[in-house]
Amino acid sequence: MENKVIIVTGASNGIGKEIAKTLSKNNNIVIANYNKSEKEAKELQEELQKEGKKLEIFKADVSKEEECKKMVEYTIKKYKKIDVLINNAGITKNQLITDVTKKDWDEIINTNLYSAFCMSKEVTPNMVHNKKGCIINISSIWGQIGASMEVVYSISKAGMDGLTKSLAKELGPSNIRVNSIAPGIINTKMNSEYTKQELEQIKQEIPLERIGQPTDIARCINWLIDDEYTTGQVLAINGGWSMI
């Protein structure tokens, strides 16, 4: 099987890190994007290089169009193609709507949603030219059902699902598949604010009675990359916590 060239945004921590690691171990060429977490990105690169796997790290603030363009141009110049884009970069802030400032709004929307739009826009010409491609957006359960005190985050993730469905229709004739994965609560740094008691309460609400792991999302990513007939879908990987 031909090795795929894959860009993963926000790949130095959490879900993104596990995705990058899994895809690299499957002998793909992975460009692992990071912005501020250089130490973690270099550690991931060194870990995989010891196993003889191909993982590059690329510093870019994907909330900025010009930096998205540079990363895509670098990848195409070096590898001649981009097979898969995984829009994973994301941040959140727990606050009441009355406390949300314009700065908060801009940071969350630009990092979570605008970055996915920009990266998708930049990879599209190459994928259309090659008549194949796969774009996967990491959205969230909160984009589907909303989260109290995370209104801007919820909006950004709902927007990613809208981007997914629209792009799937637009790019389908070029054999480019676009899907979202909407995780439930996953054991990452982003969810470290939950207390042990809160996590136990959430587990009682989940039919599978456990908190998700980054590997649960990485396995789904693997399947979506190999699949040939799924597009425009929002896959809720949440242990049954929410059934829509």
Protein backbone atom coordinates (compact mmCIF):
# COMPACT_ATOMS: atom_id res chain seq x y z
CA MET A 1 0.00 0.00 0.00
CA GLU A 2 1.27 3.45 -0.94
CA ASN A 3 2.46 5.61 1.95
CA LYS A 4 0.19 8.61 2.46
CA VAL A 5 1.32 12.17 3.11
CA ILE A 6 -0.70 13.47 6.04
CA ILE A 7 -0.86 16.84 7.80
CA VAL A 8 -2.14 16.83 11.38
CA THR A 9 -2.72 20.23 12.99
CA GLY A 10 -2.31 20.64 16.75
CA ALA A 11 -0.29 17.43 16.88
CA SER A 12 1.97 17.99 19.89
CA ASN A 13 -0.54 17.06 22.61
CA GLY A 14 -3.68 15.11 23.37
CA ILE A 15 -5.76 13.66 20.55
CA GLY A 16 -3.56 15.19 17.84
CA LYS A 17 -0.43 13.62 19.28
CA GLU A 18 -2.00 10.17 19.36
CA ILE A 19 -3.28 10.58 15.80
CA ALA A 20 0.16 11.62 14.54
CA LYS A 21 1.84 8.76 16.40
CA THR A 22 -0.61 6.12 15.15
CA LEU A 23 -0.46 7.27 11.53
CA SER A 24 3.33 7.46 11.59
CA LYS A 25 3.60 3.95 13.01
CA ASN A 26 1.43 2.79 10.09
CA ASN A 27 4.25 3.93 7.78
CA ASN A 28 2.67 7.14 6.57
CA ILE A 29 4.61 10.38 6.14
CA VAL A 30 3.21 12.67 8.84
CA ILE A 31 3.69 16.42 9.10
CA ALA A 32 2.87 17.13 12.74
CA ASN A 33 1.95 20.77 13.22
CA TYR A 34 2.52 22.64 16.47
CA ASN A 35 2.52 26.28 17.52
CA LYS A 36 3.65 26.81 21.13
CA SER A 37 4.49 23.27 22.30
CA GLU A 38 7.88 22.89 20.63
CA LYS A 39 9.34 20.69 23.38
CA GLU A 40 6.50 18.18 23.16
CA ALA A 41 6.65 18.16 19.35
CA LYS A 42 10.39 17.44 19.33
CA GLU A 43 9.95 14.67 21.90
CA LEU A 44 7.30 13.05 19.70
CA GLN A 45 9.54 13.31 16.65
CA GLU A 46 12.50 11.77 18.49
CA GLU A 47 10.35 8.94 19.85
CA LEU A 48 9.18 7.96 16.39
CA GLN A 49 12.54 8.43 14.71
CA LYS A 50 13.97 5.82 17.10
CA GLU A 51 11.42 3.41 15.63
CA GLY A 52 12.43 4.34 12.09
CA LYS A 53 9.19 6.17 11.37
CA LYS A 54 8.80 9.28 9.24
CA LEU A 55 7.40 12.22 11.20
CA GLU A 56 8.22 15.85 10.54
CA ILE A 57 7.27 18.68 12.84
CA PHE A 58 6.25 22.07 11.48
CA LYS A 59 5.69 25.22 13.53
CA ALA A 60 2.70 27.23 12.32
CA ASP A 61 -0.09 29.25 13.91
CA VAL A 62 -2.96 27.77 11.90
CA SER A 63 -5.28 30.59 12.96
CA LYS A 64 -3.35 32.70 10.43
CA GLU A 65 -3.89 32.19 6.71
CA GLU A 66 -0.31 32.93 5.67
CA GLU A 67 1.07 30.30 8.05
CA CYS A 68 -1.38 27.67 6.80
CA LYS A 69 -0.24 28.48 3.26
CA LYS A 70 3.45 28.09 4.16
CA MET A 71 2.92 24.66 5.73
CA VAL A 72 0.92 23.38 2.76
CA GLU A 73 3.41 24.81 0.24
CA TYR A 74 6.31 23.20 2.12
CA THR A 75 4.59 19.81 2.11
CA ILE A 76 3.71 19.88 -1.59
CA LYS A 77 7.18 21.09 -2.58
CA LYS A 78 8.84 18.25 -0.66
CA TYR A 79 6.38 15.39 -1.19
CA LYS A 80 4.49 16.51 -4.32
CA LYS A 81 1.10 15.75 -2.77
CA ILE A 82 -1.14 15.84 0.28
CA ASP A 83 -3.34 12.78 0.72
CA VAL A 84 -4.93 13.56 4.08
CA LEU A 85 -5.59 16.66 6.17
CA ILE A 86 -6.65 16.30 9.79
CA ASN A 87 -7.90 19.55 11.30
CA ASN A 88 -7.38 18.92 15.00
CA ALA A 89 -6.01 22.20 16.43
CA GLY A 90 -8.31 23.53 19.12
CA ILE A 91 -8.58 25.52 22.34
CA THR A 92 -11.36 26.25 24.79
CA LYS A 93 -12.13 28.54 27.70
CA ASN A 94 -14.65 27.81 30.45
CA GLN A 95 -16.70 30.97 31.06
CA LEU A 96 -20.17 32.45 31.19
CA ILE A 97 -21.36 34.14 28.01
CA THR A 98 -21.45 37.44 29.92
CA ASP A 99 -17.69 37.11 30.51
CA VAL A 100 -16.76 36.39 26.89
CA THR A 101 -14.69 39.18 25.36
CA LYS A 102 -14.03 39.89 21.68
CA LYS A 103 -10.49 38.61 22.27
CA ASP A 104 -11.83 35.32 23.68
CA TRP A 105 -14.17 34.96 20.70
CA ASP A 106 -11.43 35.66 18.16
CA GLU A 107 -8.91 33.28 19.75
CA ILE A 108 -11.31 30.34 19.94
CA ILE A 109 -13.06 30.84 16.60
CA ASN A 110 -9.82 31.51 14.73
CA THR A 111 -7.94 28.58 16.27
CA ASN A 112 -10.75 26.04 16.03
CA LEU A 113 -12.83 27.01 12.99
CA TYR A 114 -10.98 29.50 10.82
CA SER A 115 -7.91 27.26 10.88
CA ALA A 116 -9.95 24.32 9.55
CA PHE A 117 -11.36 26.53 6.81
CA CYS A 118 -7.93 27.90 5.84
CA MET A 119 -6.16 24.54 5.86
CA SER A 120 -8.95 22.95 3.83
CA LYS A 121 -8.82 25.81 1.34
CA GLU A 122 -5.05 25.46 0.93
CA VAL A 123 -4.97 21.68 0.39
CA THR A 124 -7.96 21.61 -1.98
CA PRO A 125 -6.15 22.53 -5.24
CA ASN A 126 -3.62 19.71 -4.82
CA MET A 127 -6.30 17.17 -3.92
CA VAL A 128 -8.52 18.25 -6.82
CA HIS A 129 -5.56 17.98 -9.20
CA ASN A 130 -4.85 14.44 -7.94
CA LYS A 131 -8.56 13.52 -8.00
CA LYS A 132 -8.34 12.08 -4.50
CA GLY A 133 -8.05 13.17 -0.91
CA CYS A 134 -9.42 12.93 2.60
CA ILE A 135 -10.16 15.75 5.05
CA ILE A 136 -11.09 14.90 8.64
CA ASN A 137 -12.23 17.57 11.09
CA ILE A 138 -12.04 16.90 14.83
CA SER A 139 -15.16 18.59 16.16
CA SER A 140 -16.86 17.71 19.47
CA ILE A 141 -19.98 16.39 21.15
CA TRP A 142 -20.51 20.01 22.25
CA GLY A 143 -20.87 21.06 18.63
CA GLN A 144 -23.84 18.71 18.44
CA ILE A 145 -25.61 19.29 21.76
CA GLY A 146 -23.95 22.44 23.19
CA ALA A 147 -22.07 22.91 26.45
CA SER A 148 -22.89 25.23 29.31
CA MET A 149 -20.11 27.78 29.89
CA GLU A 150 -18.41 26.81 26.61
CA VAL A 151 -20.65 28.67 24.20
CA VAL A 152 -17.90 29.92 21.86
CA TYR A 153 -16.22 26.51 21.78
CA SER A 154 -19.58 24.88 21.00
CA ILE A 155 -20.18 27.37 18.18
CA SER A 156 -16.73 26.70 16.71
CA LYS A 157 -17.29 22.94 16.68
CA ALA A 158 -20.80 23.21 15.23
CA GLY A 159 -19.21 25.34 12.52
CA MET A 160 -16.69 22.60 11.78
CA ASP A 161 -19.54 20.16 11.22
CA GLY A 162 -21.18 22.65 8.85
CA LEU A 163 -17.86 23.02 7.01
CA THR A 164 -17.65 19.23 6.77
CA LYS A 165 -21.06 18.79 5.15
CA SER A 166 -20.66 21.69 2.75
CA LEU A 167 -17.17 20.66 1.60
CA ALA A 168 -18.25 17.03 1.21
CA LYS A 169 -20.82 18.15 -1.37
CA GLU A 170 -18.42 20.56 -3.09
CA LEU A 171 -15.43 18.21 -3.29
CA GLY A 172 -17.18 14.85 -3.73
CA PRO A 173 -17.07 15.01 -7.56
CA SER A 174 -13.25 15.21 -7.26
CA ASN A 175 -13.20 12.01 -5.17
CA ILE A 176 -12.34 13.94 -2.00
CA ARG A 177 -14.04 12.74 1.16
CA VAL A 178 -14.72 15.10 4.08
CA ASN A 179 -15.90 13.91 7.49
CA SER A 180 -16.00 15.02 11.12
CA ILE A 181 -15.24 13.05 14.24
CA ALA A 182 -17.12 14.39 17.27
CA PRO A 183 -15.46 12.97 20.41
CA GLY A 184 -17.19 12.85 23.75
CA ILE A 185 -15.07 13.39 26.83
CA ILE A 186 -11.54 12.17 26.17
CA ASN A 187 -8.71 11.75 28.67
CA THR A 188 -6.58 14.75 27.62
CA LYS A 189 -5.13 17.89 29.17
CA MET A 190 -8.09 19.89 27.83
CA ASN A 191 -10.41 17.97 30.17
CA SER A 192 -8.10 18.03 33.19
CA GLU A 193 -10.27 20.65 34.91
CA TYR A 194 -12.87 18.02 35.75
CA THR A 195 -12.66 16.72 39.31
CA LYS A 196 -12.49 13.00 40.06
CA GLN A 197 -16.08 13.18 41.32
CA GLU A 198 -17.26 14.90 38.14
CA LEU A 199 -15.55 12.28 35.98
CA GLU A 200 -17.19 9.47 37.94
CA GLN A 201 -20.58 11.11 37.45
CA ILE A 202 -19.97 11.42 33.70
CA LYS A 203 -18.93 7.77 33.49
CA GLN A 204 -22.26 6.79 35.01
CA GLU A 205 -24.00 8.62 32.14
CA ILE A 206 -21.98 6.81 29.45
CA PRO A 207 -23.37 3.40 28.38
CA LEU A 208 -19.84 1.99 27.98
CA GLU A 209 -19.02 3.31 31.49
CA ARG A 210 -15.61 4.76 30.69
CA ILE A 211 -13.94 7.98 29.63
CA GLY A 212 -12.61 7.88 26.07
CA GLN A 213 -8.90 7.66 25.26
CA PRO A 214 -7.03 9.39 22.41
CA THR A 215 -6.46 5.93 20.89
CA ASP A 216 -10.24 5.60 20.42
CA ILE A 217 -10.15 8.61 18.10
CA ALA A 218 -6.95 7.52 16.32
CA ARG A 219 -8.52 4.16 15.44
CA CYS A 220 -11.49 5.92 13.87
CA ILE A 221 -9.14 8.17 11.90
CA ASN A 222 -7.40 5.08 10.50
CA TRP A 223 -10.70 3.67 9.33
CA LEU A 224 -11.85 6.91 7.71
CA ILE A 225 -8.58 7.21 5.78
CA ASP A 226 -8.89 3.67 4.40
CA ASP A 227 -12.62 3.92 3.69
CA GLU A 228 -13.73 4.90 0.18
CA TYR A 229 -17.48 5.61 0.49
CA THR A 230 -18.08 7.67 3.62
CA THR A 231 -18.34 11.44 3.29
CA GLY A 232 -20.25 14.32 4.83
CA GLN A 233 -20.70 12.47 8.11
CA VAL A 234 -20.26 13.50 11.74
CA LEU A 235 -19.15 10.39 13.63
CA ALA A 236 -19.98 10.60 17.32
CA ILE A 237 -17.23 8.70 19.16
CA ASN A 238 -18.47 9.11 22.73
CA GLY A 239 -19.23 5.68 24.21
CA GLY A 240 -22.94 6.27 23.69
CA TRP A 241 -23.01 9.36 25.92
CA SER A 242 -25.11 11.14 23.29
CA MET A 243 -27.15 9.40 20.61
CA ILE A 244 -28.46 11.69 17.88
